[in-house]
PDB file of N, CA and C in Angstrom:
ATOM      1  N   UNK A   1      44.579  24.409  34.663  1.00  0.00           N
ATOM      2  CA  UNK A   1      44.926  25.808  34.472  1.00  0.00           C
ATOM      3  C   UNK A   1      46.457  25.913  34.383  1.00  0.00           C
ATOM      4  N   UNK A   2      46.861  26.672  33.455  1.00  0.00           N
ATOM      5  CA  UNK A   2      48.285  26.834  33.155  1.00  0.00           C
ATOM      6  C   UNK A   2      48.624  28.371  33.262  1.00  0.00           C
ATOM      7  N   UNK A   3      49.474  28.691  34.159  1.00  0.00           N
ATOM      8  CA  UNK A   3      49.901  30.077  34.292  1.00  0.00           C
ATOM      9  C   UNK A   3      51.315  30.238  33.805  1.00  0.00           C
ATOM     10  N   UNK A   4      51.617  31.136  32.917  1.00  0.00           N
ATOM     11  CA  UNK A   4      53.003  31.388  32.488  1.00  0.00           C
ATOM     12  C   UNK A   4      53.213  32.905  32.536  1.00  0.00           C
ATOM     13  N   UNK A   5      54.081  33.322  33.471  1.00  0.00           N
ATOM     14  CA  UNK A   5      54.305  34.721  33.651  1.00  0.00           C
ATOM     15  C   UNK A   5      53.036  35.423  34.071  1.00  0.00           C
ATOM     16  N   UNK A   6      52.587  36.439  33.269  1.00  0.00           N
ATOM     17  CA  UNK A   6      51.333  37.113  33.577  1.00  0.00           C
ATOM     18  C   UNK A   6      50.211  36.544  32.719  1.00  0.00           C
ATOM     19  N   UNK A   7      50.387  35.504  31.977  1.00  0.00           N
ATOM     20  CA  UNK A   7      49.348  34.913  31.136  1.00  0.00           C
ATOM     21  C   UNK A   7      48.677  33.829  31.903  1.00  0.00           C
ATOM     22  N   UNK A   8      47.409  33.638  31.605  1.00  0.00           N
ATOM     23  CA  UNK A   8      46.626  32.625  32.254  1.00  0.00           C
ATOM     24  C   UNK A   8      45.870  31.883  31.111  1.00  0.00           C
ATOM     25  N   UNK A   9      46.195  30.606  30.923  1.00  0.00           N
ATOM     26  CA  UNK A   9      45.547  29.725  29.913  1.00  0.00           C
ATOM     27  C   UNK A   9      44.589  28.805  30.563  1.00  0.00           C
ATOM     28  N   UNK A  10      43.356  28.787  30.061  1.00  0.00           N
ATOM     29  CA  UNK A  10      42.316  27.939  30.627  1.00  0.00           C
ATOM     30  C   UNK A  10      41.740  27.039  29.506  1.00  0.00           C
ATOM     31  N   UNK A  11      41.443  25.774  29.885  1.00  0.00           N
ATOM     32  CA  UNK A  11      40.774  24.893  28.904  1.00  0.00           C
ATOM     33  C   UNK A  11      39.252  25.259  28.881  1.00  0.00           C
ATOM     34  N   UNK A  12      38.723  25.381  27.667  1.00  0.00           N
ATOM     35  CA  UNK A  12      37.280  25.674  27.506  1.00  0.00           C
ATOM     36  C   UNK A  12      36.758  24.824  26.320  1.00  0.00           C
ATOM     37  N   UNK A  13      35.471  24.789  26.213  1.00  0.00           N
ATOM     38  CA  UNK A  13      34.836  24.196  25.078  1.00  0.00           C
ATOM     39  C   UNK A  13      33.999  25.270  24.413  1.00  0.00           C
ATOM     40  N   UNK A  14      34.023  25.235  23.087  1.00  0.00           N
ATOM     41  CA  UNK A  14      33.173  26.136  22.295  1.00  0.00           C
ATOM     42  C   UNK A  14      32.322  25.277  21.391  1.00  0.00           C
ATOM     43  N   UNK A  15      31.037  25.630  21.314  1.00  0.00           N
ATOM     44  CA  UNK A  15      30.092  24.949  20.457  1.00  0.00           C
ATOM     45  C   UNK A  15      29.561  25.978  19.466  1.00  0.00           C
ATOM     46  N   UNK A  16      29.685  25.688  18.152  1.00  0.00           N
ATOM     47  CA  UNK A  16      29.156  26.566  17.159  1.00  0.00           C
ATOM     48  C   UNK A  16      27.636  26.534  17.225  1.00  0.00           C
ATOM     49  N   UNK A  17      27.012  27.747  17.085  1.00  0.00           N
ATOM     50  CA  UNK A  17      25.598  27.817  17.173  1.00  0.00           C
ATOM     51  C   UNK A  17      24.872  27.390  15.953  1.00  0.00           C
ATOM     52  N   UNK A  18      25.537  27.371  14.791  1.00  0.00           N
ATOM     53  CA  UNK A  18      24.855  26.945  13.585  1.00  0.00           C
ATOM     54  C   UNK A  18      24.943  25.431  13.343  1.00  0.00           C
ATOM     55  N   UNK A  19      26.116  24.778  13.621  1.00  0.00           N
ATOM     56  CA  UNK A  19      26.248  23.350  13.399  1.00  0.00           C
ATOM     57  C   UNK A  19      26.385  22.508  14.612  1.00  0.00           C
ATOM     58  N   UNK A  20      26.453  23.133  15.756  1.00  0.00           N
ATOM     59  CA  UNK A  20      26.602  22.488  17.101  1.00  0.00           C
ATOM     60  C   UNK A  20      27.834  21.652  17.205  1.00  0.00           C
ATOM     61  N   UNK A  21      28.859  21.971  16.404  1.00  0.00           N
ATOM     62  CA  UNK A  21      30.166  21.284  16.551  1.00  0.00           C
ATOM     63  C   UNK A  21      30.834  21.742  17.837  1.00  0.00           C
ATOM     64  N   UNK A  22      31.477  20.769  18.547  1.00  0.00           N
ATOM     65  CA  UNK A  22      32.137  21.020  19.788  1.00  0.00           C
ATOM     66  C   UNK A  22      33.611  20.977  19.624  1.00  0.00           C
ATOM     67  N   UNK A  23      34.343  22.031  20.102  1.00  0.00           N
ATOM     68  CA  UNK A  23      35.798  22.085  20.043  1.00  0.00           C
ATOM     69  C   UNK A  23      36.383  22.381  21.371  1.00  0.00           C
ATOM     70  N   UNK A  24      37.418  21.678  21.763  1.00  0.00           N
ATOM     71  CA  UNK A  24      38.128  22.010  23.011  1.00  0.00           C
ATOM     72  C   UNK A  24      39.352  22.824  22.675  1.00  0.00           C
ATOM     73  N   UNK A  25      39.514  23.972  23.340  1.00  0.00           N
ATOM     74  CA  UNK A  25      40.652  24.855  23.089  1.00  0.00           C
ATOM     75  C   UNK A  25      41.138  25.428  24.394  1.00  0.00           C
ATOM     76  N   UNK A  26      42.335  25.950  24.384  1.00  0.00           N
ATOM     77  CA  UNK A  26      42.886  26.678  25.507  1.00  0.00           C
ATOM     78  C   UNK A  26      42.710  28.132  25.208  1.00  0.00           C
ATOM     79  N   UNK A  27      42.241  28.931  26.104  1.00  0.00           N
ATOM     80  CA  UNK A  27      42.094  30.353  25.900  1.00  0.00           C
ATOM     81  C   UNK A  27      43.048  31.122  26.819  1.00  0.00           C
ATOM     82  N   UNK A  28      43.444  32.280  26.315  1.00  0.00           N
ATOM     83  CA  UNK A  28      44.215  33.222  27.082  1.00  0.00           C
ATOM     84  C   UNK A  28      43.326  34.240  27.651  1.00  0.00           C
ATOM     85  N   UNK A  29      43.294  34.432  28.968  1.00  0.00           N
ATOM     86  CA  UNK A  29      42.584  35.498  29.600  1.00  0.00           C
ATOM     87  C   UNK A  29      43.429  36.688  29.560  1.00  0.00           C
ATOM     88  N   UNK A  30      42.832  37.817  29.010  1.00  0.00           N
ATOM     89  CA  UNK A  30      43.639  39.033  28.837  1.00  0.00           C
ATOM     90  C   UNK A  30      42.753  40.242  29.215  1.00  0.00           C
ATOM     91  N   UNK A  31      42.890  40.720  30.404  1.00  0.00           N
ATOM     92  CA  UNK A  31      42.114  41.842  30.939  1.00  0.00           C
ATOM     93  C   UNK A  31      42.446  43.161  30.101  1.00  0.00           C
ATOM     94  N   UNK A  32      43.502  43.130  29.392  1.00  0.00           N
ATOM     95  CA  UNK A  32      43.913  44.328  28.609  1.00  0.00           C
ATOM     96  C   UNK A  32      43.205  44.387  27.240  1.00  0.00           C
ATOM     97  N   UNK A  33      42.643  43.210  26.836  1.00  0.00           N
ATOM     98  CA  UNK A  33      41.923  43.189  25.519  1.00  0.00           C
ATOM     99  C   UNK A  33      40.466  43.663  25.790  1.00  0.00           C
ATOM    100  N   UNK A  34      40.009  44.484  24.913  1.00  0.00           N
ATOM    101  CA  UNK A  34      38.630  45.054  25.132  1.00  0.00           C
ATOM    102  C   UNK A  34      37.578  44.094  24.649  1.00  0.00           C
ATOM    103  N   UNK A  35      37.970  43.158  23.771  1.00  0.00           N
ATOM    104  CA  UNK A  35      36.984  42.178  23.242  1.00  0.00           C
ATOM    105  C   UNK A  35      37.557  40.796  23.313  1.00  0.00           C
ATOM    106  N   UNK A  36      36.848  39.837  22.714  1.00  0.00           N
ATOM    107  CA  UNK A  36      37.237  38.460  22.651  1.00  0.00           C
ATOM    108  C   UNK A  36      37.446  38.014  21.195  1.00  0.00           C
ATOM    109  N   UNK A  37      38.454  37.214  20.971  1.00  0.00           N
ATOM    110  CA  UNK A  37      38.904  36.954  19.647  1.00  0.00           C
ATOM    111  C   UNK A  37      39.208  35.449  19.455  1.00  0.00           C
ATOM    112  N   UNK A  38      39.029  34.981  18.211  1.00  0.00           N
ATOM    113  CA  UNK A  38      39.387  33.579  17.815  1.00  0.00           C
ATOM    114  C   UNK A  38      40.368  33.676  16.635  1.00  0.00           C
ATOM    115  N   UNK A  39      41.320  32.736  16.608  1.00  0.00           N
ATOM    116  CA  UNK A  39      42.336  32.770  15.589  1.00  0.00           C
ATOM    117  C   UNK A  39      41.794  32.282  14.237  1.00  0.00           C
ATOM    118  N   UNK A  40      42.089  33.088  13.187  1.00  0.00           N
ATOM    119  CA  UNK A  40      41.679  32.741  11.817  1.00  0.00           C
ATOM    120  C   UNK A  40      42.026  31.324  11.407  1.00  0.00           C
ATOM    121  N   UNK A  41      43.226  30.851  11.723  1.00  0.00           N
ATOM    122  CA  UNK A  41      43.699  29.550  11.302  1.00  0.00           C
ATOM    123  C   UNK A  41      42.852  28.455  12.033  1.00  0.00           C
ATOM    124  N   UNK A  42      42.419  28.642  13.249  1.00  0.00           N
ATOM    125  CA  UNK A  42      41.610  27.673  13.917  1.00  0.00           C
ATOM    126  C   UNK A  42      40.222  27.659  13.276  1.00  0.00           C
ATOM    127  N   UNK A  43      39.724  28.802  12.954  1.00  0.00           N
ATOM    128  CA  UNK A  43      38.370  28.882  12.252  1.00  0.00           C
ATOM    129  C   UNK A  43      38.431  28.114  10.954  1.00  0.00           C
ATOM    130  N   UNK A  44      39.502  28.282  10.186  1.00  0.00           N
ATOM    131  CA  UNK A  44      39.617  27.640   8.860  1.00  0.00           C
ATOM    132  C   UNK A  44      39.828  26.141   9.050  1.00  0.00           C
ATOM    133  N   UNK A  45      40.699  25.760   9.972  1.00  0.00           N
ATOM    134  CA  UNK A  45      41.029  24.347  10.112  1.00  0.00           C
ATOM    135  C   UNK A  45      39.837  23.497  10.640  1.00  0.00           C
ATOM    136  N   UNK A  46      38.964  24.157  11.432  1.00  0.00           N
ATOM    137  CA  UNK A  46      37.752  23.432  11.961  1.00  0.00           C
ATOM    138  C   UNK A  46      36.537  23.646  11.058  1.00  0.00           C
ATOM    139  N   UNK A  47      36.710  24.453   9.998  1.00  0.00           N
ATOM    140  CA  UNK A  47      35.571  24.682   9.127  1.00  0.00           C
ATOM    141  C   UNK A  47      34.418  25.402   9.703  1.00  0.00           C
ATOM    142  N   UNK A  48      34.774  26.332  10.580  1.00  0.00           N
ATOM    143  CA  UNK A  48      33.633  27.086  11.280  1.00  0.00           C
ATOM    144  C   UNK A  48      33.147  28.112  10.295  1.00  0.00           C
ATOM    145  N   UNK A  49      31.791  28.307  10.357  1.00  0.00           N
ATOM    146  CA  UNK A  49      31.113  29.299   9.553  1.00  0.00           C
ATOM    147  C   UNK A  49      31.256  30.628  10.199  1.00  0.00           C
ATOM    148  N   UNK A  50      31.513  31.698   9.419  1.00  0.00           N
ATOM    149  CA  UNK A  50      31.691  33.060   9.926  1.00  0.00           C
ATOM    150  C   UNK A  50      30.569  33.914   9.376  1.00  0.00           C
ATOM    151  N   UNK A  51      30.333  35.032  10.111  1.00  0.00           N
ATOM    152  CA  UNK A  51      29.415  36.082   9.650  1.00  0.00           C
ATOM    153  C   UNK A  51      30.212  37.336   9.288  1.00  0.00           C
ATOM    154  N   UNK A  52      29.871  37.941   8.178  1.00  0.00           N
ATOM    155  CA  UNK A  52      30.570  39.158   7.774  1.00  0.00           C
ATOM    156  C   UNK A  52      29.947  40.323   8.491  1.00  0.00           C
ATOM    157  N   UNK A  53      30.809  41.171   9.055  1.00  0.00           N
ATOM    158  CA  UNK A  53      30.298  42.363   9.750  1.00  0.00           C
ATOM    159  C   UNK A  53      29.847  43.398   8.710  1.00  0.00           C
ATOM    160  N   UNK A  54      28.934  44.237   9.066  1.00  0.00           N
ATOM    161  CA  UNK A  54      28.457  45.313   8.193  1.00  0.00           C
ATOM    162  C   UNK A  54      29.543  46.406   8.038  1.00  0.00           C
ATOM    163  N   UNK A  55      30.351  46.554   9.075  1.00  0.00           N
ATOM    164  CA  UNK A  55      31.457  47.505   9.081  1.00  0.00           C
ATOM    165  C   UNK A  55      32.668  46.869   9.737  1.00  0.00           C
ATOM    166  N   UNK A  56      33.790  47.019   9.118  1.00  0.00           N
ATOM    167  CA  UNK A  56      35.086  46.482   9.636  1.00  0.00           C
ATOM    168  C   UNK A  56      35.454  47.197  10.936  1.00  0.00           C
ATOM    169  N   UNK A  57      36.139  46.439  11.770  1.00  0.00           N
ATOM    170  CA  UNK A  57      36.599  47.041  13.091  1.00  0.00           C
ATOM    171  C   UNK A  57      38.173  47.193  12.963  1.00  0.00           C
ATOM    172  N   UNK A  58      38.604  48.429  13.188  1.00  0.00           N
ATOM    173  CA  UNK A  58      40.062  48.711  13.266  1.00  0.00           C
ATOM    174  C   UNK A  58      40.633  48.096  14.498  1.00  0.00           C
ATOM    175  N   UNK A  59      41.808  47.541  14.397  1.00  0.00           N
ATOM    176  CA  UNK A  59      42.513  46.937  15.529  1.00  0.00           C
ATOM    177  C   UNK A  59      43.798  47.645  15.776  1.00  0.00           C
ATOM    178  N   UNK A  60      43.978  48.085  17.037  1.00  0.00           N
ATOM    179  CA  UNK A  60      45.153  48.830  17.420  1.00  0.00           C
ATOM    180  C   UNK A  60      46.009  48.018  18.447  1.00  0.00           C
ATOM    181  N   UNK A  61      47.253  48.186  18.361  1.00  0.00           N
ATOM    182  CA  UNK A  61      48.128  47.619  19.415  1.00  0.00           C
ATOM    183  C   UNK A  61      48.182  48.529  20.698  1.00  0.00           C
ATOM    184  N   UNK A  62      48.784  48.023  21.702  1.00  0.00           N
ATOM    185  CA  UNK A  62      48.815  48.807  22.955  1.00  0.00           C
ATOM    186  C   UNK A  62      49.521  50.132  22.824  1.00  0.00           C
ATOM    187  N   UNK A  63      50.395  50.225  21.842  1.00  0.00           N
ATOM    188  CA  UNK A  63      51.131  51.525  21.594  1.00  0.00           C
ATOM    189  C   UNK A  63      50.395  52.471  20.717  1.00  0.00           C
ATOM    190  N   UNK A  64      49.244  52.054  20.254  1.00  0.00           N
ATOM    191  CA  UNK A  64      48.398  52.917  19.367  1.00  0.00           C
ATOM    192  C   UNK A  64      48.570  52.691  17.876  1.00  0.00           C
ATOM    193  N   UNK A  65      49.581  51.822  17.524  1.00  0.00           N
ATOM    194  CA  UNK A  65      49.760  51.541  16.081  1.00  0.00           C
ATOM    195  C   UNK A  65      48.732  50.513  15.631  1.00  0.00           C
ATOM    196  N   UNK A  66      48.537  50.528  14.269  1.00  0.00           N
ATOM    197  CA  UNK A  66      47.614  49.546  13.695  1.00  0.00           C
ATOM    198  C   UNK A  66      48.177  48.129  13.789  1.00  0.00           C
ATOM    199  N   UNK A  67      47.302  47.232  14.134  1.00  0.00           N
ATOM    200  CA  UNK A  67      47.747  45.831  14.259  1.00  0.00           C
ATOM    201  C   UNK A  67      48.043  45.259  12.878  1.00  0.00           C
ATOM    202  N   UNK A  68      49.112  44.492  12.721  1.00  0.00           N
ATOM    203  CA  UNK A  68      49.553  43.971  11.392  1.00  0.00           C
ATOM    204  C   UNK A  68      48.547  42.976  10.846  1.00  0.00           C
ATOM    205  N   UNK A  69      47.678  42.334  11.717  1.00  0.00           N
ATOM    206  CA  UNK A  69      46.696  41.413  11.247  1.00  0.00           C
ATOM    207  C   UNK A  69      45.531  42.036  10.462  1.00  0.00           C
ATOM    208  N   UNK A  70      45.485  43.364  10.548  1.00  0.00           N
ATOM    209  CA  UNK A  70      44.491  44.110   9.802  1.00  0.00           C
ATOM    210  C   UNK A  70      43.216  44.249  10.519  1.00  0.00           C
ATOM    211  N   UNK A  71      42.172  44.712   9.794  1.00  0.00           N
ATOM    212  CA  UNK A  71      40.852  44.928  10.348  1.00  0.00           C
ATOM    213  C   UNK A  71      40.084  43.631  10.596  1.00  0.00           C
ATOM    214  N   UNK A  72      39.159  43.738  11.498  1.00  0.00           N
ATOM    215  CA  UNK A  72      38.284  42.552  11.729  1.00  0.00           C
ATOM    216  C   UNK A  72      37.023  42.715  10.816  1.00  0.00           C
ATOM    217  N   UNK A  73      36.791  41.665  10.059  1.00  0.00           N
ATOM    218  CA  UNK A  73      35.618  41.786   9.163  1.00  0.00           C
ATOM    219  C   UNK A  73      34.652  40.650   9.367  1.00  0.00           C
ATOM    220  N   UNK A  74      34.951  39.687  10.222  1.00  0.00           N
ATOM    221  CA  UNK A  74      34.104  38.520  10.481  1.00  0.00           C
ATOM    222  C   UNK A  74      34.061  38.143  11.949  1.00  0.00           C
ATOM    223  N   UNK A  75      32.965  37.466  12.317  1.00  0.00           N
ATOM    224  CA  UNK A  75      32.819  36.937  13.672  1.00  0.00           C
ATOM    225  C   UNK A  75      32.355  35.434  13.513  1.00  0.00           C
ATOM    226  N   UNK A  76      32.531  34.725  14.620  1.00  0.00           N
ATOM    227  CA  UNK A  76      32.001  33.379  14.746  1.00  0.00           C
ATOM    228  C   UNK A  76      31.112  33.386  15.980  1.00  0.00           C
ATOM    229  N   UNK A  77      29.929  32.770  15.775  1.00  0.00           N
ATOM    230  CA  UNK A  77      28.932  32.745  16.830  1.00  0.00           C
ATOM    231  C   UNK A  77      29.010  31.362  17.587  1.00  0.00           C
ATOM    232  N   UNK A  78      29.401  31.438  18.846  1.00  0.00           N
ATOM    233  CA  UNK A  78      29.624  30.219  19.665  1.00  0.00           C
ATOM    234  C   UNK A  78      29.001  30.331  21.003  1.00  0.00           C
ATOM    235  N   UNK A  79      28.854  29.173  21.648  1.00  0.00           N
ATOM    236  CA  UNK A  79      28.567  29.113  23.059  1.00  0.00           C
ATOM    237  C   UNK A  79      29.850  28.599  23.716  1.00  0.00           C
ATOM    238  N   UNK A  80      30.363  29.459  24.634  1.00  0.00           N
ATOM    239  CA  UNK A  80      31.657  29.115  25.291  1.00  0.00           C
ATOM    240  C   UNK A  80      31.340  28.618  26.667  1.00  0.00           C
ATOM    241  N   UNK A  81      31.922  27.499  27.051  1.00  0.00           N
ATOM    242  CA  UNK A  81      31.723  26.883  28.367  1.00  0.00           C
ATOM    243  C   UNK A  81      33.069  26.760  29.011  1.00  0.00           C
ATOM    244  N   UNK A  82      33.200  27.479  30.232  1.00  0.00           N
ATOM    245  CA  UNK A  82      34.420  27.440  31.035  1.00  0.00           C
ATOM    246  C   UNK A  82      33.968  27.104  32.464  1.00  0.00           C
ATOM    247  N   UNK A  83      34.242  25.865  32.862  1.00  0.00           N
ATOM    248  CA  UNK A  83      33.758  25.312  34.104  1.00  0.00           C
ATOM    249  C   UNK A  83      32.301  25.521  34.174  1.00  0.00           C
ATOM    250  N   UNK A  84      31.762  26.282  35.150  1.00  0.00           N
ATOM    251  CA  UNK A  84      30.328  26.443  35.280  1.00  0.00           C
ATOM    252  C   UNK A  84      29.791  27.678  34.538  1.00  0.00           C
ATOM    253  N   UNK A  85      30.658  28.396  33.950  1.00  0.00           N
ATOM    254  CA  UNK A  85      30.277  29.615  33.240  1.00  0.00           C
ATOM    255  C   UNK A  85      30.012  29.332  31.782  1.00  0.00           C
ATOM    256  N   UNK A  86      28.897  29.692  31.266  1.00  0.00           N
ATOM    257  CA  UNK A  86      28.523  29.538  29.900  1.00  0.00           C
ATOM    258  C   UNK A  86      27.987  30.814  29.252  1.00  0.00           C
ATOM    259  N   UNK A  87      28.369  31.061  28.040  1.00  0.00           N
ATOM    260  CA  UNK A  87      27.936  32.346  27.469  1.00  0.00           C
ATOM    261  C   UNK A  87      27.959  32.194  25.900  1.00  0.00           C
ATOM    262  N   UNK A  88      26.923  32.669  25.297  1.00  0.00           N
ATOM    263  CA  UNK A  88      26.891  32.833  23.857  1.00  0.00           C
ATOM    264  C   UNK A  88      27.662  34.065  23.478  1.00  0.00           C
ATOM    265  N   UNK A  89      28.559  33.918  22.555  1.00  0.00           N
ATOM    266  CA  UNK A  89      29.436  35.097  22.210  1.00  0.00           C
ATOM    267  C   UNK A  89      29.682  35.171  20.690  1.00  0.00           C
ATOM    268  N   UNK A  90      29.919  36.354  20.251  1.00  0.00           N
ATOM    269  CA  UNK A  90      30.403  36.560  18.923  1.00  0.00           C
ATOM    270  C   UNK A  90      31.898  36.822  19.066  1.00  0.00           C
ATOM    271  N   UNK A  91      32.716  35.906  18.563  1.00  0.00           N
ATOM    272  CA  UNK A  91      34.179  36.106  18.656  1.00  0.00           C
ATOM    273  C   UNK A  91      34.697  36.682  17.413  1.00  0.00           C
ATOM    274  N   UNK A  92      35.497  37.745  17.485  1.00  0.00           N
ATOM    275  CA  UNK A  92      36.083  38.393  16.358  1.00  0.00           C
ATOM    276  C   UNK A  92      37.214  37.569  15.804  1.00  0.00           C
ATOM    277  N   UNK A  93      37.194  37.393  14.461  1.00  0.00           N
ATOM    278  CA  UNK A  93      38.182  36.489  13.815  1.00  0.00           C
ATOM    279  C   UNK A  93      39.320  37.399  13.398  1.00  0.00           C
ATOM    280  N   UNK A  94      40.553  36.941  13.867  1.00  0.00           N
ATOM    281  CA  UNK A  94      41.737  37.688  13.584  1.00  0.00           C
ATOM    282  C   UNK A  94      42.988  36.733  13.646  1.00  0.00           C
ATOM    283  N   UNK A  95      44.080  37.176  13.266  1.00  0.00           N
ATOM    284  CA  UNK A  95      45.294  36.332  13.389  1.00  0.00           C
ATOM    285  C   UNK A  95      45.830  36.588  14.785  1.00  0.00           C
ATOM    286  N   UNK A  96      45.951  35.523  15.585  1.00  0.00           N
ATOM    287  CA  UNK A  96      46.390  35.644  16.976  1.00  0.00           C
ATOM    288  C   UNK A  96      47.738  35.047  17.242  1.00  0.00           C
ATOM    289  N   UNK A  97      48.470  34.643  16.252  1.00  0.00           N
ATOM    290  CA  UNK A  97      49.772  34.106  16.475  1.00  0.00           C
ATOM    291  C   UNK A  97      49.712  32.751  17.170  1.00  0.00           C
ATOM    292  N   UNK A  98      50.268  32.617  18.352  1.00  0.00           N
ATOM    293  CA  UNK A  98      50.321  31.304  19.078  1.00  0.00           C
ATOM    294  C   UNK A  98      49.026  31.028  19.860  1.00  0.00           C
ATOM    295  N   UNK A  99      48.096  31.997  19.945  1.00  0.00           N
ATOM    296  CA  UNK A  99      46.891  31.761  20.706  1.00  0.00           C
ATOM    297  C   UNK A  99      45.750  31.351  19.826  1.00  0.00           C
ATOM    298  N   UNK A 100      44.916  30.415  20.401  1.00  0.00           N
ATOM    299  CA  UNK A 100      43.742  29.975  19.662  1.00  0.00           C
ATOM    300  C   UNK A 100      42.543  30.914  19.931  1.00  0.00           C
ATOM    301  N   UNK A 101      42.462  31.392  21.131  1.00  0.00           N
ATOM    302  CA  UNK A 101      41.327  32.181  21.519  1.00  0.00           C
ATOM    303  C   UNK A 101      41.789  33.065  22.661  1.00  0.00           C
ATOM    304  N   UNK A 102      41.259  34.387  22.624  1.00  0.00           N
ATOM    305  CA  UNK A 102      41.565  35.330  23.680  1.00  0.00           C
ATOM    306  C   UNK A 102      40.218  35.821  24.236  1.00  0.00           C
ATOM    307  N   UNK A 103      40.077  35.670  25.567  1.00  0.00           N
ATOM    308  CA  UNK A 103      38.902  36.261  26.210  1.00  0.00           C
ATOM    309  C   UNK A 103      39.368  37.522  26.891  1.00  0.00           C
ATOM    310  N   UNK A 104      38.687  38.587  26.530  1.00  0.00           N
ATOM    311  CA  UNK A 104      39.076  39.932  27.066  1.00  0.00           C
ATOM    312  C   UNK A 104      38.199  40.431  28.179  1.00  0.00           C
ATOM    313  N   UNK A 105      38.269  41.725  28.379  1.00  0.00           N
ATOM    314  CA  UNK A 105      37.522  42.382  29.449  1.00  0.00           C
ATOM    315  C   UNK A 105      36.071  42.130  29.370  1.00  0.00           C
ATOM    316  N   UNK A 106      35.478  42.067  28.160  1.00  0.00           N
ATOM    317  CA  UNK A 106      34.035  41.801  28.046  1.00  0.00           C
ATOM    318  C   UNK A 106      33.601  40.550  28.736  1.00  0.00           C
ATOM    319  N   UNK A 107      34.345  39.447  28.543  1.00  0.00           N
ATOM    320  CA  UNK A 107      34.044  38.186  29.191  1.00  0.00           C
ATOM    321  C   UNK A 107      34.337  38.253  30.700  1.00  0.00           C
ATOM    322  N   UNK A 108      35.480  38.844  31.094  1.00  0.00           N
ATOM    323  CA  UNK A 108      35.814  38.904  32.496  1.00  0.00           C
ATOM    324  C   UNK A 108      34.821  39.703  33.288  1.00  0.00           C
ATOM    325  N   UNK A 109      34.287  40.817  32.739  1.00  0.00           N
ATOM    326  CA  UNK A 109      33.334  41.637  33.381  1.00  0.00           C
ATOM    327  C   UNK A 109      32.007  40.887  33.632  1.00  0.00           C
ATOM    328  N   UNK A 110      31.572  40.136  32.638  1.00  0.00           N
ATOM    329  CA  UNK A 110      30.324  39.389  32.791  1.00  0.00           C
ATOM    330  C   UNK A 110      30.422  38.178  33.743  1.00  0.00           C
ATOM    331  N   UNK A 111      31.543  37.575  33.819  1.00  0.00           N
ATOM    332  CA  UNK A 111      31.667  36.304  34.566  1.00  0.00           C
ATOM    333  C   UNK A 111      32.402  36.419  35.889  1.00  0.00           C
ATOM    334  N   UNK A 112      33.247  37.437  36.060  1.00  0.00           N
ATOM    335  CA  UNK A 112      33.983  37.670  37.288  1.00  0.00           C
ATOM    336  C   UNK A 112      34.496  36.354  37.898  1.00  0.00           C
ATOM    337  N   UNK A 113      35.297  35.561  37.138  1.00  0.00           N
ATOM    338  CA  UNK A 113      35.715  34.295  37.650  1.00  0.00           C
ATOM    339  C   UNK A 113      36.697  34.442  38.825  1.00  0.00           C
ATOM    340  N   UNK A 114      36.639  33.435  39.695  1.00  0.00           N
ATOM    341  CA  UNK A 114      37.629  33.359  40.806  1.00  0.00           C
ATOM    342  C   UNK A 114      38.880  32.699  40.243  1.00  0.00           C
ATOM    343  N   UNK A 115      39.970  33.358  40.285  1.00  0.00           N
ATOM    344  CA  UNK A 115      41.252  32.897  39.754  1.00  0.00           C
ATOM    345  C   UNK A 115      42.292  32.960  40.870  1.00  0.00           C
ATOM    346  N   UNK A 116      42.894  31.794  41.127  1.00  0.00           N
ATOM    347  CA  UNK A 116      43.969  31.762  42.215  1.00  0.00           C
ATOM    348  C   UNK A 116      45.255  32.023  41.604  1.00  0.00           C
TER     349      UNK A 116
END
């Protein structure tokens, strides 16, 4: 576990549900994010298959402005394993800058992990 300031980075494994490929990544836990996201560059570099959403999702910054990465139009279907917690998830594909994966409030609410 790597804590920097108010960020918490955890090592996890994600397995794609269609090809069963396993990838080890570090995720940022972010209780301020309403959903969970995967970086577009990671998806492309690992050749992960995406699903197109029937309707795009608008993305807003904390100050209410539109996010420069644009709307979310795709998801990746994975099983995420973090220690003893495992969950099948649809991760929204977006540009995340320095982060590979962000787990938001949806994951934290379901798993209520103990974090020191």
